[in-house]
Structures are given as C-alpha cells and as structure tokens.
Amino acid sequence: MKSQTTPFAFRSAFYSQFALLAIWLPILVLLPESPVWLYKKGMYEKAQRSRRRLIGDVPGYDWDHEYAVFAQTIDKSLQASQEASRFSMLATLKGTNLRRTLLSTMPLCTQVTFQLQIM
C-alpha cells in the first residue's frame, strides 16, 4: 500500500462525511417534531398532530384516550422533576444520609488505598 504525502490527501476523508449528510438530511426533514417536546412547550394541537403522524392510521385506535394518558404522563413527570429539584447534594451530608454516603464511598476509598500500598 502506497502512502500519500500530498498536502491535500485529507480531502477524501473530509468529503466522505458528506455522504452521511446526504443520507440523514432527508430523514431529518421528513421526521415530525417530538410530541413530548411540543407538549412541554405548550403546543398541544401540534403535539396531537405529531402523535397522529408518528403512529399512523390504526383502525379502532382511541386517539383522545391515548392523548389524555400521554398528557397525564408528561404532567406527572414534570411534577416529579420539580419536586426532586427541591433537594440538593448537601442533603447527602446530613443525618442518616451522611452515614449512607460514608458507607457507600468507604469501599471505593479503601480499595484505592490498598492498591497504592501494593504498588
């Protein structure tokens, strides 16, 4: 195999990346926006249309019920994440959580100590 030493030998590797772009660009243009993202941004009608486009035409599918379940799931997850954000990392250094933190980190610390002593 002959190696190339010309200053522009890198171009073939650079241009080959455009093949990946040519494959993915039409897919990205044709895909609908995420219904979850649309719902979180308050675009409820667009979220419904996006879900219909993603799921397709299924006979006997209860769109209204499934959208209600979808909306309730997102609302509950947003509520749970807001409740979880009230806690901070400092809570791991107080009370019973301090003991749990120490017990979970001590094996790792002693393992490193023993490995350093062996060396």
PDB file of N, CA and C in Angstrom:
ATOM      1  N   MET A   1       0.838  -1.178   0.000  1.00  0.00           N
ATOM      2  CA  MET A   1       0.000   0.000   0.000  1.00  0.00           C
ATOM      3  C   MET A   1       0.889   1.248   0.000  1.00  0.00           C
ATOM      4  N   LYS A   2       0.661   2.087  -0.928  1.00  0.00           N
ATOM      5  CA  LYS A   2       1.468   3.288  -1.070  1.00  0.00           C
ATOM      6  C   LYS A   2       0.825   4.418  -0.265  1.00  0.00           C
ATOM      7  N   SER A   3       1.608   5.085   0.561  1.00  0.00           N
ATOM      8  CA  SER A   3       1.070   6.192   1.355  1.00  0.00           C
ATOM      9  C   SER A   3       1.191   7.484   0.552  1.00  0.00           C
ATOM     10  N   GLN A   4       0.199   8.327   0.722  1.00  0.00           N
ATOM     11  CA  GLN A   4       0.189   9.598   0.030  1.00  0.00           C
ATOM     12  C   GLN A   4       0.754  10.676   0.950  1.00  0.00           C
ATOM     13  N   THR A   5       1.619  11.455   0.403  1.00  0.00           N
ATOM     14  CA  THR A   5       2.220  12.532   1.198  1.00  0.00           C
ATOM     15  C   THR A   5       1.872  13.903   0.638  1.00  0.00           C
ATOM     16  N   THR A   6       0.872  13.959  -0.209  1.00  0.00           N
ATOM     17  CA  THR A   6       0.484  15.252  -0.759  1.00  0.00           C
ATOM     18  C   THR A   6      -0.278  16.042   0.300  1.00  0.00           C
ATOM     19  N   PRO A   7      -0.216  17.353   0.242  1.00  0.00           N
ATOM     20  CA  PRO A   7      -0.868  18.167   1.279  1.00  0.00           C
ATOM     21  C   PRO A   7      -2.401  18.069   1.277  1.00  0.00           C
ATOM     22  N   PHE A   8      -2.987  17.627   0.177  1.00  0.00           N
ATOM     23  CA  PHE A   8      -4.447  17.568   0.099  1.00  0.00           C
ATOM     24  C   PHE A   8      -4.987  16.149   0.174  1.00  0.00           C
ATOM     25  N   ALA A   9      -4.239  15.212   0.734  1.00  0.00           N
ATOM     26  CA  ALA A   9      -4.669  13.821   0.846  1.00  0.00           C
ATOM     27  C   ALA A   9      -5.819  13.649   1.840  1.00  0.00           C
ATOM     28  N   PHE A  10      -6.014  14.637   2.704  1.00  0.00           N
ATOM     29  CA  PHE A  10      -7.070  14.553   3.704  1.00  0.00           C
ATOM     30  C   PHE A  10      -8.466  14.738   3.093  1.00  0.00           C
ATOM     31  N   ARG A  11      -8.539  15.242   1.893  1.00  0.00           N
ATOM     32  CA  ARG A  11      -9.834  15.595   1.298  1.00  0.00           C
ATOM     33  C   ARG A  11     -10.776  14.418   1.155  1.00  0.00           C
ATOM     34  N   SER A  12     -10.288  13.250   0.818  1.00  0.00           N
ATOM     35  CA  SER A  12     -11.190  12.108   0.640  1.00  0.00           C
ATOM     36  C   SER A  12     -11.891  11.758   1.952  1.00  0.00           C
ATOM     37  N   ALA A  13     -11.197  11.819   3.060  1.00  0.00           N
ATOM     38  CA  ALA A  13     -11.828  11.565   4.357  1.00  0.00           C
ATOM     39  C   ALA A  13     -12.824  12.668   4.686  1.00  0.00           C
ATOM     40  N   PHE A  14     -12.488  13.879   4.364  1.00  0.00           N
ATOM     41  CA  PHE A  14     -13.377  15.012   4.620  1.00  0.00           C
ATOM     42  C   PHE A  14     -14.637  14.923   3.772  1.00  0.00           C
ATOM     43  N   TYR A  15     -14.484  14.636   2.500  1.00  0.00           N
ATOM     44  CA  TYR A  15     -15.633  14.572   1.594  1.00  0.00           C
ATOM     45  C   TYR A  15     -16.524  13.368   1.863  1.00  0.00           C
ATOM     46  N   SER A  16     -15.964  12.311   2.422  1.00  0.00           N
ATOM     47  CA  SER A  16     -16.792  11.133   2.701  1.00  0.00           C
ATOM     48  C   SER A  16     -17.857  11.425   3.754  1.00  0.00           C
ATOM     49  N   GLN A  17     -17.630  12.432   4.577  1.00  0.00           N
ATOM     50  CA  GLN A  17     -18.632  12.793   5.584  1.00  0.00           C
ATOM     51  C   GLN A  17     -19.890  13.372   4.953  1.00  0.00           C
ATOM     52  N   PHE A  18     -19.791  13.928   3.767  1.00  0.00           N
ATOM     53  CA  PHE A  18     -20.962  14.465   3.092  1.00  0.00           C
ATOM     54  C   PHE A  18     -21.919  13.354   2.658  1.00  0.00           C
ATOM     55  N   ALA A  19     -21.410  12.145   2.482  1.00  0.00           N
ATOM     56  CA  ALA A  19     -22.287  11.016   2.154  1.00  0.00           C
ATOM     57  C   ALA A  19     -23.236  10.740   3.315  1.00  0.00           C
ATOM     58  N   LEU A  20     -22.731  10.806   4.538  1.00  0.00           N
ATOM     59  CA  LEU A  20     -23.596  10.631   5.709  1.00  0.00           C
ATOM     60  C   LEU A  20     -24.635  11.736   5.800  1.00  0.00           C
ATOM     61  N   LEU A  21     -24.242  12.940   5.487  1.00  0.00           N
ATOM     62  CA  LEU A  21     -25.184  14.053   5.484  1.00  0.00           C
ATOM     63  C   LEU A  21     -26.273  13.841   4.440  1.00  0.00           C
ATOM     64  N   ALA A  22     -25.900  13.354   3.281  1.00  0.00           N
ATOM     65  CA  ALA A  22     -26.880  13.115   2.215  1.00  0.00           C
ATOM     66  C   ALA A  22     -27.878  12.032   2.612  1.00  0.00           C
ATOM     67  N   ILE A  23     -27.448  11.081   3.430  1.00  0.00           N
ATOM     68  CA  ILE A  23     -28.367  10.029   3.882  1.00  0.00           C
ATOM     69  C   ILE A  23     -29.304  10.555   4.966  1.00  0.00           C
ATOM     70  N   TRP A  24     -28.790  11.308   5.917  1.00  0.00           N
ATOM     71  CA  TRP A  24     -29.580  11.714   7.071  1.00  0.00           C
ATOM     72  C   TRP A  24     -30.414  12.964   6.863  1.00  0.00           C
ATOM     73  N   LEU A  25     -30.020  13.850   5.988  1.00  0.00           N
ATOM     74  CA  LEU A  25     -30.742  15.102   5.818  1.00  0.00           C
ATOM     75  C   LEU A  25     -32.199  14.896   5.409  1.00  0.00           C
ATOM     76  N   PRO A  26     -32.518  14.058   4.429  1.00  0.00           N
ATOM     77  CA  PRO A  26     -33.945  13.852   4.105  1.00  0.00           C
ATOM     78  C   PRO A  26     -34.722  13.224   5.260  1.00  0.00           C
ATOM     79  N   ILE A  27     -34.080  12.345   5.999  1.00  0.00           N
ATOM     80  CA  ILE A  27     -34.760  11.717   7.134  1.00  0.00           C
ATOM     81  C   ILE A  27     -35.099  12.770   8.187  1.00  0.00           C
ATOM     82  N   LEU A  28     -34.153  13.642   8.490  1.00  0.00           N
ATOM     83  CA  LEU A  28     -34.390  14.674   9.491  1.00  0.00           C
ATOM     84  C   LEU A  28     -35.450  15.671   9.053  1.00  0.00           C
ATOM     85  N   VAL A  29     -35.518  15.952   7.785  1.00  0.00           N
ATOM     86  CA  VAL A  29     -36.517  16.896   7.277  1.00  0.00           C
ATOM     87  C   VAL A  29     -37.918  16.284   7.333  1.00  0.00           C
ATOM     88  N   LEU A  30     -38.025  14.990   7.057  1.00  0.00           N
ATOM     89  CA  LEU A  30     -39.337  14.349   6.990  1.00  0.00           C
ATOM     90  C   LEU A  30     -39.877  13.900   8.348  1.00  0.00           C
ATOM     91  N   LEU A  31     -39.022  13.737   9.333  1.00  0.00           N
ATOM     92  CA  LEU A  31     -39.495  13.306  10.648  1.00  0.00           C
ATOM     93  C   LEU A  31     -40.270  14.421  11.327  1.00  0.00           C
ATOM     94  N   PRO A  32     -41.376  14.083  11.985  1.00  0.00           N
ATOM     95  CA  PRO A  32     -42.107  15.120  12.723  1.00  0.00           C
ATOM     96  C   PRO A  32     -41.385  15.465  14.020  1.00  0.00           C
ATOM     97  N   GLU A  33     -41.711  16.623  14.556  1.00  0.00           N
ATOM     98  CA  GLU A  33     -41.128  17.040  15.832  1.00  0.00           C
ATOM     99  C   GLU A  33     -41.637  16.141  16.947  1.00  0.00           C
ATOM    100  N   SER A  34     -40.878  16.022  18.002  1.00  0.00           N
ATOM    101  CA  SER A  34     -41.245  15.159  19.121  1.00  0.00           C
ATOM    102  C   SER A  34     -42.525  15.666  19.789  1.00  0.00           C
ATOM    103  N   PRO A  35     -43.529  14.801  19.949  1.00  0.00           N
ATOM    104  CA  PRO A  35     -44.755  15.231  20.617  1.00  0.00           C
ATOM    105  C   PRO A  35     -44.518  15.625  22.077  1.00  0.00           C
ATOM    106  N   VAL A  36     -43.573  14.995  22.722  1.00  0.00           N
ATOM    107  CA  VAL A  36     -43.278  15.328  24.118  1.00  0.00           C
ATOM    108  C   VAL A  36     -42.734  16.745  24.206  1.00  0.00           C
ATOM    109  N   TRP A  37     -41.814  17.090  23.329  1.00  0.00           N
ATOM    110  CA  TRP A  37     -41.237  18.431  23.328  1.00  0.00           C
ATOM    111  C   TRP A  37     -42.317  19.476  23.031  1.00  0.00           C
ATOM    112  N   LEU A  38     -43.168  19.185  22.048  1.00  0.00           N
ATOM    113  CA  LEU A  38     -44.240  20.119  21.711  1.00  0.00           C
ATOM    114  C   LEU A  38     -45.196  20.308  22.885  1.00  0.00           C
ATOM    115  N   TYR A  39     -45.529  19.230  23.562  1.00  0.00           N
ATOM    116  CA  TYR A  39     -46.446  19.322  24.701  1.00  0.00           C
ATOM    117  C   TYR A  39     -45.824  20.137  25.827  1.00  0.00           C
ATOM    118  N   LYS A  40     -44.543  19.906  26.094  1.00  0.00           N
ATOM    119  CA  LYS A  40     -43.875  20.649  27.160  1.00  0.00           C
ATOM    120  C   LYS A  40     -43.790  22.135  26.852  1.00  0.00           C
ATOM    121  N   LYS A  41     -43.748  22.489  25.577  1.00  0.00           N
ATOM    122  CA  LYS A  41     -43.691  23.895  25.177  1.00  0.00           C
ATOM    123  C   LYS A  41     -45.074  24.528  25.080  1.00  0.00           C
ATOM    124  N   GLY A  42     -46.129  23.741  25.353  1.00  0.00           N
ATOM    125  CA  GLY A  42     -47.488  24.284  25.332  1.00  0.00           C
ATOM    126  C   GLY A  42     -48.162  24.257  23.971  1.00  0.00           C
ATOM    127  N   MET A  43     -47.590  23.579  23.019  1.00  0.00           N
ATOM    128  CA  MET A  43     -48.180  23.469  21.676  1.00  0.00           C
ATOM    129  C   MET A  43     -48.977  22.160  21.604  1.00  0.00           C
ATOM    130  N   TYR A  44     -50.147  22.152  22.246  1.00  0.00           N
ATOM    131  CA  TYR A  44     -50.910  20.929  22.413  1.00  0.00           C
ATOM    132  C   TYR A  44     -51.483  20.392  21.109  1.00  0.00           C
ATOM    133  N   GLU A  45     -51.964  21.278  20.252  1.00  0.00           N
ATOM    134  CA  GLU A  45     -52.530  20.831  18.968  1.00  0.00           C
ATOM    135  C   GLU A  45     -51.444  20.237  18.065  1.00  0.00           C
ATOM    136  N   LYS A  46     -50.296  20.884  18.037  1.00  0.00           N
ATOM    137  CA  LYS A  46     -49.192  20.353  17.238  1.00  0.00           C
ATOM    138  C   LYS A  46     -48.717  19.016  17.795  1.00  0.00           C
ATOM    139  N   ALA A  47     -48.754  18.863  19.114  1.00  0.00           N
ATOM    140  CA  ALA A  47     -48.354  17.591  19.731  1.00  0.00           C
ATOM    141  C   ALA A  47     -49.308  16.485  19.306  1.00  0.00           C
ATOM    142  N   GLN A  48     -50.607  16.791  19.260  1.00  0.00           N
ATOM    143  CA  GLN A  48     -51.578  15.785  18.821  1.00  0.00           C
ATOM    144  C   GLN A  48     -51.348  15.397  17.362  1.00  0.00           C
ATOM    145  N   ARG A  49     -51.115  16.389  16.517  1.00  0.00           N
ATOM    146  CA  ARG A  49     -50.876  16.098  15.096  1.00  0.00           C
ATOM    147  C   ARG A  49     -49.601  15.291  14.915  1.00  0.00           C
ATOM    148  N   SER A  50     -48.577  15.617  15.685  1.00  0.00           N
ATOM    149  CA  SER A  50     -47.318  14.896  15.577  1.00  0.00           C
ATOM    150  C   SER A  50     -47.488  13.439  16.022  1.00  0.00           C
ATOM    151  N   ARG A  51     -48.251  13.218  17.096  1.00  0.00           N
ATOM    152  CA  ARG A  51     -48.512  11.841  17.540  1.00  0.00           C
ATOM    153  C   ARG A  51     -49.270  11.064  16.470  1.00  0.00           C
ATOM    154  N   ARG A  52     -50.254  11.705  15.852  1.00  0.00           N
ATOM    155  CA  ARG A  52     -51.014  11.026  14.792  1.00  0.00           C
ATOM    156  C   ARG A  52     -50.113  10.662  13.620  1.00  0.00           C
ATOM    157  N   ARG A  53     -49.197  11.551  13.300  1.00  0.00           N
ATOM    158  CA  ARG A  53     -48.288  11.287  12.182  1.00  0.00           C
ATOM    159  C   ARG A  53     -47.315  10.154  12.509  1.00  0.00           C
ATOM    160  N   LEU A  54     -46.852  10.116  13.760  1.00  0.00           N
ATOM    161  CA  LEU A  54     -45.914   9.065  14.157  1.00  0.00           C
ATOM    162  C   LEU A  54     -46.591   7.700  14.256  1.00  0.00           C
ATOM    163  N   ILE A  55     -47.808   7.664  14.795  1.00  0.00           N
ATOM    164  CA  ILE A  55     -48.500   6.394  14.998  1.00  0.00           C
ATOM    165  C   ILE A  55     -49.127   5.891  13.708  1.00  0.00           C
ATOM    166  N   GLY A  56     -49.637   6.795  12.916  1.00  0.00           N
ATOM    167  CA  GLY A  56     -50.260   6.389  11.652  1.00  0.00           C
ATOM    168  C   GLY A  56     -51.747   6.133  11.818  1.00  0.00           C
ATOM    169  N   ASP A  57     -52.354   5.651  10.777  1.00  0.00           N
ATOM    170  CA  ASP A  57     -53.794   5.404  10.783  1.00  0.00           C
ATOM    171  C   ASP A  57     -54.047   3.964  11.226  1.00  0.00           C
ATOM    172  N   VAL A  58     -54.474   3.809  12.468  1.00  0.00           N
ATOM    173  CA  VAL A  58     -54.752   2.488  13.027  1.00  0.00           C
ATOM    174  C   VAL A  58     -56.255   2.384  13.248  1.00  0.00           C
ATOM    175  N   PRO A  59     -56.905   1.408  12.631  1.00  0.00           N
ATOM    176  CA  PRO A  59     -58.351   1.290  12.824  1.00  0.00           C
ATOM    177  C   PRO A  59     -58.693   0.949  14.275  1.00  0.00           C
ATOM    178  N   GLY A  60     -59.681   1.655  14.831  1.00  0.00           N
ATOM    179  CA  GLY A  60     -60.136   1.397  16.185  1.00  0.00           C
ATOM    180  C   GLY A  60     -59.269   2.011  17.267  1.00  0.00           C
ATOM    181  N   TYR A  61     -58.330   2.841  16.904  1.00  0.00           N
ATOM    182  CA  TYR A  61     -57.434   3.455  17.884  1.00  0.00           C
ATOM    183  C   TYR A  61     -58.143   4.632  18.539  1.00  0.00           C
ATOM    184  N   ASP A  62     -58.156   4.678  19.858  1.00  0.00           N
ATOM    185  CA  ASP A  62     -58.826   5.750  20.606  1.00  0.00           C
ATOM    186  C   ASP A  62     -57.837   6.891  20.822  1.00  0.00           C
ATOM    187  N   TRP A  63     -57.834   7.842  19.902  1.00  0.00           N
ATOM    188  CA  TRP A  63     -56.870   8.934  19.924  1.00  0.00           C
ATOM    189  C   TRP A  63     -57.023   9.804  21.162  1.00  0.00           C
ATOM    190  N   ASP A  64     -58.266  10.115  21.522  1.00  0.00           N
ATOM    191  CA  ASP A  64     -58.480  11.025  22.647  1.00  0.00           C
ATOM    192  C   ASP A  64     -58.017  10.418  23.971  1.00  0.00           C
ATOM    193  N   HIS A  65     -58.327   9.156  24.179  1.00  0.00           N
ATOM    194  CA  HIS A  65     -57.907   8.496  25.415  1.00  0.00           C
ATOM    195  C   HIS A  65     -56.383   8.385  25.483  1.00  0.00           C
ATOM    196  N   GLU A  66     -55.770   7.982  24.388  1.00  0.00           N
ATOM    197  CA  GLU A  66     -54.317   7.837  24.384  1.00  0.00           C
ATOM    198  C   GLU A  66     -53.616   9.178  24.570  1.00  0.00           C
ATOM    199  N   TYR A  67     -54.183  10.243  24.011  1.00  0.00           N
ATOM    200  CA  TYR A  67     -53.587  11.562  24.196  1.00  0.00           C
ATOM    201  C   TYR A  67     -53.741  12.011  25.643  1.00  0.00           C
ATOM    202  N   ALA A  68     -54.860  11.683  26.273  1.00  0.00           N
ATOM    203  CA  ALA A  68     -55.050  12.028  27.686  1.00  0.00           C
ATOM    204  C   ALA A  68     -54.030  11.300  28.561  1.00  0.00           C
ATOM    205  N   VAL A  69     -53.774  10.035  28.265  1.00  0.00           N
ATOM    206  CA  VAL A  69     -52.759   9.272  29.011  1.00  0.00           C
ATOM    207  C   VAL A  69     -51.380   9.875  28.774  1.00  0.00           C
ATOM    208  N   PHE A  70     -51.098  10.221  27.537  1.00  0.00           N
ATOM    209  CA  PHE A  70     -49.830  10.849  27.156  1.00  0.00           C
ATOM    210  C   PHE A  70     -49.629  12.153  27.929  1.00  0.00           C
ATOM    211  N   ALA A  71     -50.655  12.995  27.951  1.00  0.00           N
ATOM    212  CA  ALA A  71     -50.568  14.289  28.632  1.00  0.00           C
ATOM    213  C   ALA A  71     -50.410  14.106  30.137  1.00  0.00           C
ATOM    214  N   GLN A  72     -51.142  13.160  30.712  1.00  0.00           N
ATOM    215  CA  GLN A  72     -51.054  12.923  32.147  1.00  0.00           C
ATOM    216  C   GLN A  72     -49.662  12.409  32.530  1.00  0.00           C
ATOM    217  N   THR A  73     -49.103  11.558  31.712  1.00  0.00           N
ATOM    218  CA  THR A  73     -47.767  11.028  31.981  1.00  0.00           C
ATOM    219  C   THR A  73     -46.724  12.146  31.988  1.00  0.00           C
ATOM    220  N   ILE A  74     -46.800  13.027  31.029  1.00  0.00           N
ATOM    221  CA  ILE A  74     -45.838  14.136  30.958  1.00  0.00           C
ATOM    222  C   ILE A  74     -46.035  15.085  32.131  1.00  0.00           C
ATOM    223  N   ASP A  75     -47.299  15.386  32.468  1.00  0.00           N
ATOM    224  CA  ASP A  75     -47.562  16.277  33.595  1.00  0.00           C
ATOM    225  C   ASP A  75     -47.027  15.692  34.896  1.00  0.00           C
ATOM    226  N   LYS A  76     -47.230  14.394  35.099  1.00  0.00           N
ATOM    227  CA  LYS A  76     -46.727  13.742  36.317  1.00  0.00           C
ATOM    228  C   LYS A  76     -45.196  13.760  36.361  1.00  0.00           C
ATOM    229  N   SER A  77     -44.548  13.517  35.229  1.00  0.00           N
ATOM    230  CA  SER A  77     -43.081  13.519  35.211  1.00  0.00           C
ATOM    231  C   SER A  77     -42.533  14.927  35.449  1.00  0.00           C
ATOM    232  N   LEU A  78     -43.198  15.941  34.919  1.00  0.00           N
ATOM    233  CA  LEU A  78     -42.761  17.318  35.186  1.00  0.00           C
ATOM    234  C   LEU A  78     -42.938  17.665  36.660  1.00  0.00           C
ATOM    235  N   GLN A  79     -44.049  17.218  37.245  1.00  0.00           N
ATOM    236  CA  GLN A  79     -44.294  17.467  38.658  1.00  0.00           C
ATOM    237  C   GLN A  79     -43.252  16.751  39.517  1.00  0.00           C
ATOM    238  N   ALA A  80     -42.931  15.522  39.172  1.00  0.00           N
ATOM    239  CA  ALA A  80     -41.927  14.765  39.933  1.00  0.00           C
ATOM    240  C   ALA A  80     -40.549  15.406  39.818  1.00  0.00           C
ATOM    241  N   SER A  81     -40.198  15.904  38.640  1.00  0.00           N
ATOM    242  CA  SER A  81     -38.884  16.533  38.484  1.00  0.00           C
ATOM    243  C   SER A  81     -38.811  17.851  39.245  1.00  0.00           C
ATOM    244  N   GLN A  82     -39.935  18.567  39.339  1.00  0.00           N
ATOM    245  CA  GLN A  82     -39.939  19.797  40.133  1.00  0.00           C
ATOM    246  C   GLN A  82     -39.792  19.496  41.614  1.00  0.00           C
ATOM    247  N   GLU A  83     -40.440  18.425  42.073  1.00  0.00           N
ATOM    248  CA  GLU A  83     -40.305  18.041  43.474  1.00  0.00           C
ATOM    249  C   GLU A  83     -38.889  17.570  43.776  1.00  0.00           C
ATOM    250  N   ALA A  84     -38.278  16.855  42.853  1.00  0.00           N
ATOM    251  CA  ALA A  84     -36.922  16.355  43.069  1.00  0.00           C
ATOM    252  C   ALA A  84     -35.898  17.484  43.047  1.00  0.00           C
ATOM    253  N   SER A  85     -36.190  18.559  42.363  1.00  0.00           N
ATOM    254  CA  SER A  85     -35.228  19.653  42.285  1.00  0.00           C
ATOM    255  C   SER A  85     -35.134  20.427  43.598  1.00  0.00           C
ATOM    256  N   ARG A  86     -36.067  20.189  44.521  1.00  0.00           N
ATOM    257  CA  ARG A  86     -36.001  20.853  45.816  1.00  0.00           C
ATOM    258  C   ARG A  86     -34.828  20.332  46.644  1.00  0.00           C
ATOM    259  N   PHE A  87     -34.414  19.111  46.400  1.00  0.00           N
ATOM    260  CA  PHE A  87     -33.334  18.511  47.170  1.00  0.00           C
ATOM    261  C   PHE A  87     -31.998  18.846  46.538  1.00  0.00           C
ATOM    262  N   SER A  88     -31.007  19.008  47.396  1.00  0.00           N
ATOM    263  CA  SER A  88     -29.691  19.356  46.874  1.00  0.00           C
ATOM    264  C   SER A  88     -28.683  18.278  47.256  1.00  0.00           C
ATOM    265  N   MET A  89     -27.488  18.416  46.765  1.00  0.00           N
ATOM    266  CA  MET A  89     -26.419  17.479  47.089  1.00  0.00           C
ATOM    267  C   MET A  89     -26.002  17.605  48.558  1.00  0.00           C
ATOM    268  N   LEU A  90     -26.255  18.741  49.167  1.00  0.00           N
ATOM    269  CA  LEU A  90     -25.918  18.916  50.574  1.00  0.00           C
ATOM    270  C   LEU A  90     -26.747  18.014  51.470  1.00  0.00           C
ATOM    271  N   ALA A  91     -27.890  17.555  50.995  1.00  0.00           N
ATOM    272  CA  ALA A  91     -28.729  16.656  51.780  1.00  0.00           C
ATOM    273  C   ALA A  91     -28.033  15.321  52.021  1.00  0.00           C
ATOM    274  N   THR A  92     -27.070  14.958  51.189  1.00  0.00           N
ATOM    275  CA  THR A  92     -26.338  13.702  51.394  1.00  0.00           C
ATOM    276  C   THR A  92     -25.330  13.804  52.531  1.00  0.00           C
ATOM    277  N   LEU A  93     -25.105  15.012  53.047  1.00  0.00           N
ATOM    278  CA  LEU A  93     -24.126  15.217  54.116  1.00  0.00           C
ATOM    279  C   LEU A  93     -24.789  15.540  55.449  1.00  0.00           C
ATOM    280  N   LYS A  94     -26.070  15.190  55.593  1.00  0.00           N
ATOM    281  CA  LYS A  94     -26.799  15.485  56.825  1.00  0.00           C
ATOM    282  C   LYS A  94     -27.513  14.241  57.321  1.00  0.00           C
ATOM    283  N   GLY A  95     -27.474  14.027  58.612  1.00  0.00           N
ATOM    284  CA  GLY A  95     -28.247  12.979  59.262  1.00  0.00           C
ATOM    285  C   GLY A  95     -27.925  11.582  58.766  1.00  0.00           C
ATOM    286  N   THR A  96     -28.985  10.814  58.547  1.00  0.00           N
ATOM    287  CA  THR A  96     -28.836   9.425  58.104  1.00  0.00           C
ATOM    288  C   THR A  96     -28.187   9.350  56.732  1.00  0.00           C
ATOM    289  N   ASN A  97     -28.428  10.345  55.903  1.00  0.00           N
ATOM    290  CA  ASN A  97     -27.835  10.328  54.565  1.00  0.00           C
ATOM    291  C   ASN A  97     -26.320  10.436  54.617  1.00  0.00           C
ATOM    292  N   LEU A  98     -25.774  11.111  55.644  1.00  0.00           N
ATOM    293  CA  LEU A  98     -24.316  11.185  55.794  1.00  0.00           C
ATOM    294  C   LEU A  98     -23.751   9.789  56.034  1.00  0.00           C
ATOM    295  N   ARG A  99     -24.406   9.021  56.909  1.00  0.00           N
ATOM    296  CA  ARG A  99     -23.945   7.660  57.184  1.00  0.00           C
ATOM    297  C   ARG A  99     -24.012   6.813  55.912  1.00  0.00           C
ATOM    298  N   ARG A 100     -25.079   6.941  55.147  1.00  0.00           N
ATOM    299  CA  ARG A 100     -25.209   6.186  53.895  1.00  0.00           C
ATOM    300  C   ARG A 100     -24.127   6.582  52.897  1.00  0.00           C
ATOM    301  N   THR A 101     -23.848   7.867  52.831  1.00  0.00           N
ATOM    302  CA  THR A 101     -22.815   8.347  51.910  1.00  0.00           C
ATOM    303  C   THR A 101     -21.455   7.787  52.289  1.00  0.00           C
ATOM    304  N   LEU A 102     -21.134   7.825  53.573  1.00  0.00           N
ATOM    305  CA  LEU A 102     -19.848   7.294  54.027  1.00  0.00           C
ATOM    306  C   LEU A 102     -19.742   5.795  53.787  1.00  0.00           C
ATOM    307  N   LEU A 103     -20.809   5.061  54.103  1.00  0.00           N
ATOM    308  CA  LEU A 103     -20.777   3.619  53.903  1.00  0.00           C
ATOM    309  C   LEU A 103     -20.650   3.231  52.435  1.00  0.00           C
ATOM    310  N   SER A 104     -21.215   4.035  51.553  1.00  0.00           N
ATOM    311  CA  SER A 104     -21.122   3.692  50.130  1.00  0.00           C
ATOM    312  C   SER A 104     -19.800   4.116  49.508  1.00  0.00           C
ATOM    313  N   THR A 105     -19.131   5.095  50.070  1.00  0.00           N
ATOM    314  CA  THR A 105     -17.861   5.543  49.484  1.00  0.00           C
ATOM    315  C   THR A 105     -16.634   4.884  50.114  1.00  0.00           C
ATOM    316  N   MET A 106     -16.758   4.380  51.330  1.00  0.00           N
ATOM    317  CA  MET A 106     -15.601   3.774  52.001  1.00  0.00           C
ATOM    318  C   MET A 106     -15.011   2.580  51.239  1.00  0.00           C
ATOM    319  N   PRO A 107     -15.792   1.650  50.711  1.00  0.00           N
ATOM    320  CA  PRO A 107     -15.159   0.549  49.967  1.00  0.00           C
ATOM    321  C   PRO A 107     -14.314   1.023  48.794  1.00  0.00           C
ATOM    322  N   LEU A 108     -14.795   2.034  48.091  1.00  0.00           N
ATOM    323  CA  LEU A 108     -14.020   2.559  46.957  1.00  0.00           C
ATOM    324  C   LEU A 108     -12.729   3.216  47.435  1.00  0.00           C
ATOM    325  N   CYS A 109     -12.820   3.973  48.520  1.00  0.00           N
ATOM    326  CA  CYS A 109     -11.627   4.645  49.037  1.00  0.00           C
ATOM    327  C   CYS A 109     -10.600   3.646  49.548  1.00  0.00           C
ATOM    328  N   THR A 110     -11.053   2.621  50.271  1.00  0.00           N
ATOM    329  CA  THR A 110     -10.102   1.641  50.794  1.00  0.00           C
ATOM    330  C   THR A 110      -9.502   0.802  49.685  1.00  0.00           C
ATOM    331  N   GLN A 111     -10.273   0.537  48.648  1.00  0.00           N
ATOM    332  CA  GLN A 111      -9.736  -0.227  47.518  1.00  0.00           C
ATOM    333  C   GLN A 111      -8.581   0.528  46.874  1.00  0.00           C
ATOM    334  N   VAL A 112      -8.743   1.812  46.670  1.00  0.00           N
ATOM    335  CA  VAL A 112      -7.685   2.617  46.074  1.00  0.00           C
ATOM    336  C   VAL A 112      -6.479   2.665  47.011  1.00  0.00           C
ATOM    337  N   THR A 113      -6.726   2.787  48.303  1.00  0.00           N
ATOM    338  CA  THR A 113      -5.620   2.823  49.272  1.00  0.00           C
ATOM    339  C   THR A 113      -4.825   1.537  49.243  1.00  0.00           C
ATOM    340  N   PHE A 114      -5.500   0.400  49.240  1.00  0.00           N
ATOM    341  CA  PHE A 114      -4.812  -0.883  49.195  1.00  0.00           C
ATOM    342  C   PHE A 114      -4.042  -1.069  47.903  1.00  0.00           C
ATOM    343  N   GLN A 115      -4.573  -0.621  46.809  1.00  0.00           N
ATOM    344  CA  GLN A 115      -3.872  -0.749  45.536  1.00  0.00           C
ATOM    345  C   GLN A 115      -2.619   0.108  45.529  1.00  0.00           C
ATOM    346  N   LEU A 116      -2.672   1.277  46.151  1.00  0.00           N
ATOM    347  CA  LEU A 116      -1.493   2.143  46.198  1.00  0.00           C
ATOM    348  C   LEU A 116      -0.419   1.551  47.111  1.00  0.00           C
ATOM    349  N   GLN A 117      -0.842   0.874  48.185  1.00  0.00           N
ATOM    350  CA  GLN A 117       0.138   0.270  49.086  1.00  0.00           C
ATOM    351  C   GLN A 117       0.842  -0.918  48.438  1.00  0.00           C
ATOM    352  N   ILE A 118       0.125  -1.634  47.584  1.00  0.00           N
ATOM    353  CA  ILE A 118       0.711  -2.788  46.900  1.00  0.00           C
ATOM    354  C   ILE A 118       1.773  -2.338  45.916  1.00  0.00           C
ATOM    355  N   MET A 119       1.545  -1.229  45.278  1.00  0.00           N
ATOM    356  CA  MET A 119       2.483  -0.746  44.265  1.00  0.00           C
ATOM    357  C   MET A 119       3.702  -0.314  44.958  1.00  0.00           C
TER     358      MET A 119
END
